[in-house]
């Protein structure tokens, strides 16, 4: 677990949020109003105490007018083509700011070394757990998920769908959506997130 935390700290997500906010002469209150997030949560993110879930990062990126990839890229990652070998992806164990504690999934960024990308590809590992309505989230953009292993329960608006290995789904992420693994471990998928500018 310490290795994971060190990898995530290496991305300096919180420091990037603070630097971008300050460059735009925004206060924490300004950012809170622009994102709909609380000042204490934003402060925890900036101080690297909380690693924000993807939907939260998308809200922050919109408010700061930067692409989602800004938070995953290396400072010197200017290559036009990036090869990420098996086992070399950046794992991020997302800690939700909600009362249930841990988010039902974690992400492995599959293109963290590439700057100025329009798409954000991930390998996602889903926890097998019961569904809770608090897991629904919304954000701008579109997402594509291709299930590799296990069985996934996907909630989209009023619909509930079950995905098996080889199934894929493409959806507008402005609609409330969420997912949990339902059986068996491991439940893994490739996901691509596109955030409209």
N, C-alpha and C. Protein backbone atom coordinates (compact mmCIF):
# COMPACT_ATOMS: atom_id res chain seq x y z
N UNK A 1 0.83 -1.20 0.00
CA UNK A 1 0.00 0.00 0.00
C UNK A 1 0.86 1.26 0.00
N UNK A 2 2.00 1.21 0.70
CA UNK A 2 2.88 2.38 0.73
C UNK A 2 3.42 2.69 -0.66
N UNK A 3 3.71 1.65 -1.45
CA UNK A 3 4.20 1.87 -2.82
C UNK A 3 3.15 2.61 -3.64
N UNK A 4 1.88 2.23 -3.47
CA UNK A 4 0.79 2.88 -4.20
C UNK A 4 0.73 4.34 -3.81
N UNK A 5 0.75 4.60 -2.50
CA UNK A 5 0.67 5.99 -2.03
C UNK A 5 1.84 6.81 -2.58
N UNK A 6 3.03 6.19 -2.62
CA UNK A 6 4.19 6.92 -3.13
C UNK A 6 4.03 7.24 -4.61
N UNK A 7 3.50 6.27 -5.39
CA UNK A 7 3.28 6.53 -6.82
C UNK A 7 2.30 7.67 -7.03
N UNK A 8 1.21 7.66 -6.24
CA UNK A 8 0.21 8.71 -6.38
C UNK A 8 0.80 10.05 -5.96
N UNK A 9 1.55 10.04 -4.87
CA UNK A 9 2.19 11.29 -4.43
C UNK A 9 3.12 11.81 -5.51
N UNK A 10 3.74 10.90 -6.25
CA UNK A 10 4.65 11.30 -7.32
C UNK A 10 3.96 12.10 -8.41
N UNK A 11 2.66 11.91 -8.57
CA UNK A 11 1.91 12.68 -9.56
C UNK A 11 1.63 14.10 -9.09
N UNK A 12 1.71 14.33 -7.77
CA UNK A 12 1.53 15.67 -7.19
C UNK A 12 0.22 16.32 -7.64
N UNK A 13 -0.86 15.55 -7.60
CA UNK A 13 -2.16 16.06 -8.04
C UNK A 13 -2.56 17.29 -7.25
N UNK A 14 -2.44 17.24 -5.94
CA UNK A 14 -2.83 18.37 -5.10
C UNK A 14 -2.03 19.62 -5.39
N UNK A 15 -0.73 19.45 -5.56
CA UNK A 15 0.12 20.61 -5.86
C UNK A 15 -0.22 21.21 -7.22
N UNK A 16 -0.58 20.35 -8.17
CA UNK A 16 -0.97 20.85 -9.49
C UNK A 16 -2.27 21.65 -9.39
N UNK A 17 -3.21 21.16 -8.58
CA UNK A 17 -4.46 21.88 -8.39
C UNK A 17 -4.18 23.26 -7.79
N UNK A 18 -3.35 23.31 -6.74
CA UNK A 18 -3.04 24.58 -6.08
C UNK A 18 -2.33 25.54 -7.04
N UNK A 19 -1.34 25.01 -7.79
CA UNK A 19 -0.60 25.88 -8.71
C UNK A 19 -1.52 26.47 -9.78
N UNK A 20 -2.37 25.62 -10.35
CA UNK A 20 -3.29 26.10 -11.38
C UNK A 20 -4.29 27.10 -10.81
N UNK A 21 -4.77 26.85 -9.61
CA UNK A 21 -5.72 27.77 -8.97
C UNK A 21 -5.06 29.13 -8.74
N UNK A 22 -3.83 29.10 -8.23
CA UNK A 22 -3.13 30.35 -7.94
C UNK A 22 -2.77 31.10 -9.22
N UNK A 23 -2.39 30.36 -10.27
CA UNK A 23 -2.09 31.01 -11.56
C UNK A 23 -3.30 31.76 -12.10
N UNK A 24 -4.49 31.26 -11.77
CA UNK A 24 -5.73 31.89 -12.25
C UNK A 24 -6.27 32.89 -11.24
N UNK A 25 -5.48 33.16 -10.21
CA UNK A 25 -5.85 34.12 -9.16
C UNK A 25 -7.21 33.79 -8.55
N UNK A 26 -7.42 32.49 -8.32
CA UNK A 26 -8.65 32.03 -7.69
C UNK A 26 -8.37 31.71 -6.23
N UNK A 27 -9.32 32.03 -5.36
CA UNK A 27 -9.24 31.59 -3.97
C UNK A 27 -9.85 30.20 -3.87
N UNK A 28 -9.66 29.56 -2.72
CA UNK A 28 -10.32 28.27 -2.51
C UNK A 28 -11.83 28.44 -2.59
N UNK A 29 -12.33 29.58 -2.11
CA UNK A 29 -13.77 29.85 -2.16
C UNK A 29 -14.24 29.95 -3.62
N UNK A 30 -13.45 30.63 -4.46
CA UNK A 30 -13.79 30.73 -5.89
C UNK A 30 -13.88 29.35 -6.52
N UNK A 31 -12.88 28.51 -6.21
CA UNK A 31 -12.85 27.16 -6.78
C UNK A 31 -14.00 26.32 -6.25
N UNK A 32 -14.32 26.49 -4.98
CA UNK A 32 -15.45 25.77 -4.38
C UNK A 32 -16.75 26.14 -5.10
N UNK A 33 -16.95 27.43 -5.35
CA UNK A 33 -18.16 27.88 -6.03
C UNK A 33 -18.21 27.38 -7.48
N UNK A 34 -17.06 27.34 -8.14
CA UNK A 34 -17.01 26.91 -9.54
C UNK A 34 -17.23 25.41 -9.70
N UNK A 35 -16.85 24.63 -8.68
CA UNK A 35 -16.95 23.17 -8.77
C UNK A 35 -18.13 22.58 -8.02
N UNK A 36 -18.66 23.33 -7.06
CA UNK A 36 -19.71 22.77 -6.21
C UNK A 36 -19.14 21.89 -5.11
N UNK A 37 -17.82 21.92 -4.93
CA UNK A 37 -17.15 21.12 -3.89
C UNK A 37 -16.90 22.01 -2.67
N UNK A 38 -16.73 21.40 -1.52
CA UNK A 38 -16.50 22.18 -0.31
C UNK A 38 -15.06 22.68 -0.22
N UNK A 39 -14.89 23.81 0.47
CA UNK A 39 -13.54 24.35 0.69
C UNK A 39 -12.67 23.37 1.48
N UNK A 40 -13.20 22.73 2.56
CA UNK A 40 -12.35 21.77 3.29
C UNK A 40 -11.87 20.62 2.41
N UNK A 41 -12.74 20.11 1.53
CA UNK A 41 -12.33 19.02 0.64
C UNK A 41 -11.25 19.50 -0.32
N UNK A 42 -11.43 20.68 -0.92
CA UNK A 42 -10.42 21.22 -1.83
C UNK A 42 -9.10 21.45 -1.12
N UNK A 43 -9.15 21.90 0.12
CA UNK A 43 -7.93 22.10 0.90
C UNK A 43 -7.22 20.77 1.14
N UNK A 44 -7.99 19.73 1.47
CA UNK A 44 -7.41 18.40 1.68
C UNK A 44 -6.77 17.88 0.39
N UNK A 45 -7.41 18.14 -0.74
CA UNK A 45 -6.85 17.70 -2.03
C UNK A 45 -5.53 18.43 -2.29
N UNK A 46 -5.53 19.75 -2.11
CA UNK A 46 -4.33 20.54 -2.38
C UNK A 46 -3.18 20.16 -1.45
N UNK A 47 -3.51 19.72 -0.24
CA UNK A 47 -2.48 19.34 0.73
C UNK A 47 -2.13 17.85 0.67
N UNK A 48 -2.58 17.18 -0.42
CA UNK A 48 -2.27 15.76 -0.66
C UNK A 48 -2.78 14.84 0.45
N UNK A 49 -3.84 15.27 1.15
CA UNK A 49 -4.43 14.42 2.20
C UNK A 49 -5.51 13.52 1.62
N UNK A 50 -6.12 13.96 0.51
CA UNK A 50 -7.19 13.21 -0.14
C UNK A 50 -6.85 13.11 -1.62
N UNK A 51 -6.98 11.92 -2.18
CA UNK A 51 -6.84 11.74 -3.62
C UNK A 51 -8.25 11.75 -4.19
N UNK A 52 -8.58 12.74 -5.00
CA UNK A 52 -9.97 12.88 -5.43
C UNK A 52 -10.40 11.81 -6.43
N UNK A 53 -11.67 11.38 -6.34
CA UNK A 53 -12.20 10.46 -7.36
C UNK A 53 -12.20 11.15 -8.73
N UNK A 54 -12.33 10.37 -9.75
CA UNK A 54 -12.27 10.88 -11.12
C UNK A 54 -13.30 11.97 -11.38
N UNK A 55 -14.54 11.79 -10.91
CA UNK A 55 -15.57 12.79 -11.15
C UNK A 55 -15.20 14.13 -10.51
N UNK A 56 -14.58 14.08 -9.34
CA UNK A 56 -14.15 15.30 -8.66
C UNK A 56 -13.04 15.98 -9.45
N UNK A 57 -12.09 15.19 -9.95
CA UNK A 57 -11.01 15.76 -10.76
C UNK A 57 -11.56 16.40 -12.04
N UNK A 58 -12.57 15.79 -12.62
CA UNK A 58 -13.17 16.36 -13.82
C UNK A 58 -13.80 17.73 -13.52
N UNK A 59 -14.47 17.83 -12.38
CA UNK A 59 -15.06 19.13 -11.99
C UNK A 59 -13.97 20.18 -11.82
N UNK A 60 -12.88 19.78 -11.16
CA UNK A 60 -11.77 20.71 -10.93
C UNK A 60 -11.13 21.12 -12.25
N UNK A 61 -10.93 20.16 -13.15
CA UNK A 61 -10.29 20.48 -14.43
C UNK A 61 -11.15 21.45 -15.23
N UNK A 62 -12.48 21.28 -15.19
CA UNK A 62 -13.39 22.20 -15.90
C UNK A 62 -13.28 23.60 -15.32
N UNK A 63 -13.30 23.68 -13.98
CA UNK A 63 -13.25 24.99 -13.32
C UNK A 63 -11.94 25.70 -13.60
N UNK A 64 -10.85 24.93 -13.71
CA UNK A 64 -9.53 25.52 -13.95
C UNK A 64 -9.22 25.64 -15.45
N UNK A 65 -10.16 25.14 -16.29
CA UNK A 65 -10.02 25.21 -17.75
C UNK A 65 -8.75 24.51 -18.24
N UNK A 66 -8.55 23.28 -17.73
CA UNK A 66 -7.44 22.44 -18.20
C UNK A 66 -8.00 21.06 -18.50
N UNK A 67 -7.28 20.29 -19.28
CA UNK A 67 -7.69 18.93 -19.57
C UNK A 67 -7.43 18.03 -18.38
N UNK A 68 -8.22 16.97 -18.29
CA UNK A 68 -8.06 15.99 -17.21
C UNK A 68 -6.64 15.43 -17.17
N UNK A 69 -6.02 15.29 -18.34
CA UNK A 69 -4.68 14.71 -18.41
C UNK A 69 -3.64 15.52 -17.65
N UNK A 70 -3.91 16.79 -17.41
CA UNK A 70 -2.97 17.65 -16.69
C UNK A 70 -2.57 17.04 -15.36
N UNK A 71 -3.49 16.34 -14.71
CA UNK A 71 -3.22 15.80 -13.38
C UNK A 71 -2.47 14.47 -13.42
N UNK A 72 -2.39 13.83 -14.57
CA UNK A 72 -1.75 12.53 -14.67
C UNK A 72 -0.40 12.57 -15.38
N UNK A 73 -0.12 13.64 -16.06
CA UNK A 73 1.10 13.68 -16.87
C UNK A 73 2.32 14.03 -16.04
N UNK A 74 3.45 13.54 -16.49
CA UNK A 74 4.73 13.88 -15.89
C UNK A 74 5.09 15.29 -16.32
N UNK A 75 5.87 15.97 -15.52
CA UNK A 75 6.27 17.34 -15.84
C UNK A 75 7.04 17.41 -17.16
N UNK A 76 7.82 16.38 -17.45
CA UNK A 76 8.65 16.42 -18.66
C UNK A 76 8.14 15.49 -19.76
N UNK A 77 6.88 15.05 -19.66
CA UNK A 77 6.36 14.07 -20.61
C UNK A 77 5.92 14.69 -21.92
N UNK A 78 6.86 15.04 -22.78
CA UNK A 78 6.53 15.73 -24.03
C UNK A 78 6.55 14.79 -25.24
N UNK A 79 6.66 13.49 -25.02
CA UNK A 79 6.74 12.56 -26.13
C UNK A 79 5.44 12.54 -26.93
N UNK A 80 5.56 12.28 -28.24
CA UNK A 80 4.38 12.17 -29.09
C UNK A 80 3.78 10.78 -29.00
N UNK A 81 4.58 9.79 -28.63
CA UNK A 81 4.12 8.42 -28.51
C UNK A 81 4.66 7.85 -27.20
N UNK A 82 3.78 7.24 -26.41
CA UNK A 82 4.20 6.70 -25.12
C UNK A 82 3.79 5.24 -25.05
N UNK A 83 4.74 4.37 -24.76
CA UNK A 83 4.49 2.95 -24.56
C UNK A 83 4.47 2.68 -23.06
N UNK A 84 3.38 2.13 -22.57
CA UNK A 84 3.29 1.74 -21.16
C UNK A 84 3.24 0.22 -21.13
N UNK A 85 4.30 -0.38 -20.65
CA UNK A 85 4.39 -1.84 -20.61
C UNK A 85 3.55 -2.41 -19.47
N UNK A 86 3.18 -3.69 -19.61
CA UNK A 86 2.42 -4.37 -18.57
C UNK A 86 3.13 -4.22 -17.23
N UNK A 87 2.38 -3.86 -16.23
CA UNK A 87 2.96 -3.69 -14.90
C UNK A 87 3.55 -2.32 -14.64
N UNK A 88 3.58 -1.44 -15.66
CA UNK A 88 4.18 -0.12 -15.48
C UNK A 88 3.14 0.99 -15.41
N UNK A 89 1.87 0.65 -15.42
CA UNK A 89 0.84 1.69 -15.34
C UNK A 89 0.87 2.32 -13.96
N UNK A 90 0.36 3.54 -13.86
CA UNK A 90 0.31 4.25 -12.58
C UNK A 90 -0.98 3.89 -11.88
N UNK A 91 -0.88 3.22 -10.75
CA UNK A 91 -2.08 2.84 -10.01
C UNK A 91 -2.47 3.96 -9.06
N UNK A 92 -3.77 4.28 -9.06
CA UNK A 92 -4.29 5.30 -8.16
C UNK A 92 -5.44 4.70 -7.38
N UNK A 93 -5.27 4.58 -6.08
CA UNK A 93 -6.30 4.04 -5.21
C UNK A 93 -7.16 5.20 -4.75
N UNK A 94 -8.25 5.45 -5.45
CA UNK A 94 -9.07 6.63 -5.20
C UNK A 94 -9.79 6.51 -3.88
N UNK A 95 -9.61 7.48 -3.03
CA UNK A 95 -10.32 7.54 -1.76
C UNK A 95 -11.46 8.53 -1.91
N UNK A 96 -12.66 8.04 -1.77
CA UNK A 96 -13.80 8.93 -1.92
C UNK A 96 -13.92 9.82 -0.68
N UNK A 97 -14.52 10.97 -0.87
CA UNK A 97 -14.74 11.88 0.25
C UNK A 97 -16.09 11.62 0.89
N UNK A 98 -16.74 10.54 0.48
CA UNK A 98 -18.06 10.23 0.98
C UNK A 98 -17.97 9.41 2.27
N UNK A 99 -19.10 9.27 2.92
CA UNK A 99 -19.14 8.59 4.21
C UNK A 99 -18.81 7.11 4.10
N UNK A 100 -19.03 6.49 2.95
CA UNK A 100 -18.77 5.05 2.86
C UNK A 100 -17.28 4.74 2.78
N UNK A 101 -16.44 5.76 2.72
CA UNK A 101 -15.00 5.52 2.74
C UNK A 101 -14.44 5.27 1.37
N UNK A 102 -13.95 4.06 1.16
CA UNK A 102 -13.21 3.75 -0.05
C UNK A 102 -14.11 3.68 -1.28
N UNK A 103 -13.65 4.27 -2.37
CA UNK A 103 -14.35 4.20 -3.64
C UNK A 103 -14.40 2.74 -4.09
N UNK A 104 -15.41 2.34 -4.91
CA UNK A 104 -15.53 0.94 -5.29
C UNK A 104 -14.58 0.50 -6.40
N UNK A 105 -13.60 1.32 -6.74
CA UNK A 105 -12.67 0.95 -7.81
C UNK A 105 -11.38 1.73 -7.65
N UNK A 106 -10.32 1.25 -8.33
CA UNK A 106 -9.11 2.05 -8.44
C UNK A 106 -8.67 2.02 -9.90
N UNK A 107 -7.85 2.99 -10.26
CA UNK A 107 -7.47 3.20 -11.65
C UNK A 107 -5.97 3.01 -11.82
N UNK A 108 -5.62 2.51 -13.00
CA UNK A 108 -4.23 2.49 -13.44
C UNK A 108 -4.19 3.38 -14.69
N UNK A 109 -3.53 4.52 -14.62
CA UNK A 109 -3.43 5.39 -15.79
C UNK A 109 -2.55 4.72 -16.83
N UNK A 110 -3.04 4.63 -18.06
CA UNK A 110 -2.32 3.92 -19.12
C UNK A 110 -1.58 4.86 -20.08
N UNK A 111 -1.63 6.16 -19.82
CA UNK A 111 -0.94 7.10 -20.71
C UNK A 111 -0.38 8.27 -19.93
N UNK A 112 0.08 8.00 -18.71
CA UNK A 112 0.48 9.09 -17.82
C UNK A 112 1.69 9.88 -18.31
N UNK A 113 2.47 9.36 -19.23
CA UNK A 113 3.65 10.07 -19.70
C UNK A 113 3.40 10.97 -20.89
N UNK A 114 2.18 10.97 -21.42
CA UNK A 114 1.86 11.73 -22.64
C UNK A 114 1.16 13.03 -22.27
N UNK A 115 1.72 14.14 -22.73
CA UNK A 115 1.10 15.43 -22.49
C UNK A 115 0.09 15.75 -23.57
N UNK A 116 -0.81 16.66 -23.26
CA UNK A 116 -1.78 17.20 -24.20
C UNK A 116 -2.52 16.12 -24.97
N UNK A 117 -3.09 15.19 -24.22
CA UNK A 117 -3.92 14.16 -24.84
C UNK A 117 -5.38 14.50 -24.62
N UNK A 118 -6.21 14.11 -25.55
CA UNK A 118 -7.64 14.39 -25.46
C UNK A 118 -8.39 13.28 -24.75
N UNK A 119 -7.81 12.10 -24.72
CA UNK A 119 -8.43 10.94 -24.09
C UNK A 119 -7.60 10.51 -22.88
N UNK A 120 -8.28 9.96 -21.87
CA UNK A 120 -7.58 9.45 -20.70
C UNK A 120 -7.92 7.97 -20.56
N UNK A 121 -6.99 7.07 -20.95
CA UNK A 121 -7.26 5.64 -20.84
C UNK A 121 -6.82 5.09 -19.48
N UNK A 122 -7.62 4.19 -18.94
CA UNK A 122 -7.35 3.59 -17.64
C UNK A 122 -7.59 2.09 -17.69
N UNK A 123 -6.89 1.36 -16.83
CA UNK A 123 -7.28 0.01 -16.46
C UNK A 123 -7.95 0.18 -15.10
N UNK A 124 -9.18 -0.30 -14.97
CA UNK A 124 -9.92 -0.14 -13.72
C UNK A 124 -10.09 -1.50 -13.05
N UNK A 125 -9.87 -1.54 -11.74
CA UNK A 125 -10.16 -2.72 -10.93
C UNK A 125 -11.31 -2.36 -10.01
N UNK A 126 -12.42 -3.11 -10.11
CA UNK A 126 -13.62 -2.84 -9.34
C UNK A 126 -13.68 -3.75 -8.13
N UNK A 127 -14.07 -3.21 -6.99
CA UNK A 127 -14.33 -4.03 -5.82
C UNK A 127 -15.65 -4.75 -6.01
N UNK A 128 -15.74 -5.98 -5.49
CA UNK A 128 -17.01 -6.70 -5.45
C UNK A 128 -17.68 -6.28 -4.16
N UNK A 129 -18.84 -5.62 -4.29
CA UNK A 129 -19.52 -5.07 -3.12
C UNK A 129 -20.96 -4.75 -3.47
N UNK A 130 -21.81 -4.54 -2.47
CA UNK A 130 -23.21 -4.20 -2.74
C UNK A 130 -23.31 -2.79 -3.32
N UNK A 131 -24.35 -2.58 -4.13
CA UNK A 131 -24.59 -1.27 -4.71
C UNK A 131 -25.13 -0.31 -3.65
N UNK A 132 -24.72 0.97 -3.76
CA UNK A 132 -25.26 2.05 -2.94
C UNK A 132 -25.54 3.23 -3.87
N UNK A 133 -26.67 3.87 -3.71
CA UNK A 133 -27.02 5.01 -4.57
C UNK A 133 -26.02 6.15 -4.46
N UNK A 134 -25.30 6.23 -3.34
CA UNK A 134 -24.30 7.29 -3.15
C UNK A 134 -23.14 7.16 -4.14
N UNK A 135 -23.04 6.03 -4.82
CA UNK A 135 -21.94 5.82 -5.78
C UNK A 135 -22.22 6.49 -7.12
N UNK A 136 -23.45 6.98 -7.34
CA UNK A 136 -23.76 7.66 -8.59
C UNK A 136 -22.99 8.97 -8.68
N UNK A 137 -22.48 9.28 -9.86
CA UNK A 137 -21.77 10.53 -10.09
C UNK A 137 -22.12 11.06 -11.48
N UNK A 138 -21.90 12.34 -11.68
CA UNK A 138 -22.10 12.96 -12.99
C UNK A 138 -20.95 13.91 -13.26
N UNK A 139 -20.61 14.06 -14.52
CA UNK A 139 -19.59 15.01 -14.94
C UNK A 139 -19.68 15.17 -16.45
N UNK A 140 -19.08 16.21 -16.96
CA UNK A 140 -19.07 16.45 -18.40
C UNK A 140 -18.23 15.38 -19.09
N UNK A 141 -18.58 15.07 -20.32
CA UNK A 141 -17.75 14.19 -21.12
C UNK A 141 -18.45 12.90 -21.51
N UNK A 142 -17.64 11.98 -22.03
CA UNK A 142 -18.12 10.68 -22.47
C UNK A 142 -17.14 9.63 -21.97
N UNK A 143 -17.64 8.40 -21.78
CA UNK A 143 -16.79 7.32 -21.31
C UNK A 143 -17.07 6.05 -22.11
N UNK A 144 -16.06 5.24 -22.22
CA UNK A 144 -16.16 3.93 -22.87
C UNK A 144 -15.54 2.91 -21.93
N UNK A 145 -16.25 1.81 -21.70
CA UNK A 145 -15.73 0.75 -20.83
C UNK A 145 -15.82 -0.58 -21.58
N UNK A 146 -14.72 -1.35 -21.55
CA UNK A 146 -14.67 -2.69 -22.11
C UNK A 146 -14.30 -3.64 -20.98
N UNK A 147 -15.22 -4.54 -20.62
CA UNK A 147 -14.98 -5.44 -19.48
C UNK A 147 -14.07 -6.59 -19.88
N UNK A 148 -12.99 -6.75 -19.12
CA UNK A 148 -12.01 -7.80 -19.38
C UNK A 148 -12.32 -9.07 -18.60
N UNK A 149 -12.52 -8.93 -17.28
CA UNK A 149 -12.77 -10.10 -16.43
C UNK A 149 -13.84 -9.78 -15.40
N UNK A 150 -14.51 -10.83 -14.91
CA UNK A 150 -15.51 -10.67 -13.87
C UNK A 150 -16.85 -10.25 -14.42
N UNK A 151 -17.70 -9.77 -13.52
CA UNK A 151 -19.05 -9.32 -13.87
C UNK A 151 -19.25 -7.96 -13.22
N UNK A 152 -19.78 -7.01 -14.00
CA UNK A 152 -19.91 -5.64 -13.56
C UNK A 152 -21.38 -5.20 -13.60
N UNK A 153 -21.81 -4.55 -12.52
CA UNK A 153 -23.15 -3.97 -12.48
C UNK A 153 -23.02 -2.48 -12.76
N UNK A 154 -23.68 -2.01 -13.82
CA UNK A 154 -23.58 -0.62 -14.26
C UNK A 154 -24.93 0.06 -14.09
N UNK A 155 -24.94 1.17 -13.37
CA UNK A 155 -26.15 1.95 -13.15
C UNK A 155 -26.05 3.21 -14.00
N UNK A 156 -27.10 3.49 -14.78
CA UNK A 156 -27.11 4.66 -15.66
C UNK A 156 -28.51 5.24 -15.62
N UNK A 157 -28.67 6.39 -14.97
CA UNK A 157 -30.01 6.93 -14.79
C UNK A 157 -30.85 5.92 -14.04
N UNK A 158 -31.99 5.54 -14.63
CA UNK A 158 -32.88 4.55 -14.01
C UNK A 158 -32.57 3.12 -14.45
N UNK A 159 -31.60 2.95 -15.32
CA UNK A 159 -31.29 1.63 -15.86
C UNK A 159 -30.20 0.92 -15.03
N UNK A 160 -30.31 -0.39 -14.95
CA UNK A 160 -29.26 -1.21 -14.34
C UNK A 160 -28.90 -2.29 -15.35
N UNK A 161 -27.63 -2.36 -15.72
CA UNK A 161 -27.16 -3.32 -16.71
C UNK A 161 -26.06 -4.18 -16.12
N UNK A 162 -26.00 -5.43 -16.55
CA UNK A 162 -24.94 -6.33 -16.12
C UNK A 162 -24.03 -6.59 -17.31
N UNK A 163 -22.73 -6.38 -17.11
CA UNK A 163 -21.75 -6.61 -18.17
C UNK A 163 -20.94 -7.86 -17.86
N UNK A 164 -20.71 -8.66 -18.88
CA UNK A 164 -19.86 -9.85 -18.80
C UNK A 164 -18.59 -9.59 -19.60
N UNK A 165 -17.56 -10.42 -19.40
CA UNK A 165 -16.32 -10.21 -20.16
C UNK A 165 -16.58 -10.12 -21.66
N UNK A 166 -15.97 -9.13 -22.29
CA UNK A 166 -16.16 -8.88 -23.72
C UNK A 166 -17.24 -7.85 -24.01
N UNK A 167 -18.10 -7.55 -23.02
CA UNK A 167 -19.12 -6.52 -23.21
C UNK A 167 -18.48 -5.15 -23.11
N UNK A 168 -19.07 -4.18 -23.79
CA UNK A 168 -18.59 -2.81 -23.69
C UNK A 168 -19.78 -1.87 -23.62
N UNK A 169 -19.52 -0.69 -23.13
CA UNK A 169 -20.57 0.32 -23.03
C UNK A 169 -19.96 1.69 -23.26
N UNK A 170 -20.67 2.52 -23.99
CA UNK A 170 -20.24 3.89 -24.30
C UNK A 170 -21.38 4.79 -23.85
N UNK A 171 -21.09 5.81 -23.06
CA UNK A 171 -22.17 6.62 -22.51
C UNK A 171 -21.76 8.07 -22.27
N UNK A 172 -22.79 8.92 -22.24
CA UNK A 172 -22.64 10.32 -21.90
C UNK A 172 -22.59 10.40 -20.38
N UNK A 173 -21.50 10.92 -19.85
CA UNK A 173 -21.31 10.89 -18.40
C UNK A 173 -22.00 12.04 -17.67
N UNK A 174 -22.78 12.87 -18.39
CA UNK A 174 -23.58 13.90 -17.71
C UNK A 174 -24.75 13.26 -16.97
N UNK A 175 -25.15 12.05 -17.41
CA UNK A 175 -26.22 11.32 -16.72
C UNK A 175 -25.64 10.66 -15.48
N UNK A 176 -26.43 10.56 -14.39
CA UNK A 176 -25.93 9.86 -13.19
C UNK A 176 -25.53 8.43 -13.54
N UNK A 177 -24.33 8.04 -13.13
CA UNK A 177 -23.84 6.70 -13.45
C UNK A 177 -22.90 6.21 -12.35
N UNK A 178 -22.77 4.91 -12.28
CA UNK A 178 -21.86 4.30 -11.32
C UNK A 178 -21.80 2.81 -11.55
N UNK A 179 -20.82 2.16 -10.92
CA UNK A 179 -20.65 0.73 -11.15
C UNK A 179 -19.99 0.07 -9.95
N UNK A 180 -20.29 -1.22 -9.81
CA UNK A 180 -19.63 -2.06 -8.80
C UNK A 180 -19.41 -3.43 -9.42
N UNK A 181 -18.37 -4.11 -8.96
CA UNK A 181 -18.16 -5.49 -9.35
C UNK A 181 -19.16 -6.35 -8.60
N UNK A 182 -19.70 -7.38 -9.28
CA UNK A 182 -20.65 -8.25 -8.57
C UNK A 182 -20.14 -9.68 -8.44
N UNK A 183 -19.21 -10.12 -9.27
CA UNK A 183 -18.59 -11.44 -9.11
C UNK A 183 -17.87 -11.80 -10.39
N UNK A 184 -16.94 -12.70 -10.35
CA UNK A 184 -16.08 -12.96 -9.19
C UNK A 184 -14.89 -12.03 -9.25
N UNK A 185 -14.04 -12.04 -8.25
CA UNK A 185 -12.78 -11.29 -8.32
C UNK A 185 -11.86 -11.96 -9.32
N UNK A 186 -11.02 -11.25 -10.05
CA UNK A 186 -10.99 -9.80 -10.17
C UNK A 186 -11.97 -9.32 -11.24
N UNK A 187 -12.50 -8.12 -11.03
CA UNK A 187 -13.36 -7.48 -12.03
C UNK A 187 -12.53 -6.32 -12.59
N UNK A 188 -12.14 -6.47 -13.87
CA UNK A 188 -11.25 -5.48 -14.48
C UNK A 188 -11.79 -5.05 -15.84
N UNK A 189 -11.54 -3.78 -16.17
CA UNK A 189 -12.00 -3.24 -17.45
C UNK A 189 -11.02 -2.19 -17.95
N UNK A 190 -11.03 -1.98 -19.25
CA UNK A 190 -10.32 -0.85 -19.83
C UNK A 190 -11.37 0.24 -20.02
N UNK A 191 -11.05 1.45 -19.57
CA UNK A 191 -11.96 2.58 -19.71
C UNK A 191 -11.23 3.72 -20.39
N UNK A 192 -11.95 4.44 -21.22
CA UNK A 192 -11.41 5.64 -21.87
C UNK A 192 -12.36 6.78 -21.56
N UNK A 193 -11.82 7.85 -21.01
CA UNK A 193 -12.61 9.02 -20.63
C UNK A 193 -12.26 10.17 -21.56
N UNK A 194 -13.28 10.78 -22.11
CA UNK A 194 -13.11 11.97 -22.93
C UNK A 194 -13.84 13.10 -22.24
N UNK A 195 -13.12 14.15 -21.92
CA UNK A 195 -13.73 15.30 -21.26
C UNK A 195 -13.78 16.45 -22.23
N UNK A 196 -14.98 16.89 -22.55
CA UNK A 196 -15.13 17.99 -23.52
C UNK A 196 -14.56 19.27 -22.94
N UNK A 197 -13.87 20.05 -23.78
CA UNK A 197 -13.36 21.34 -23.34
C UNK A 197 -14.46 22.37 -23.31
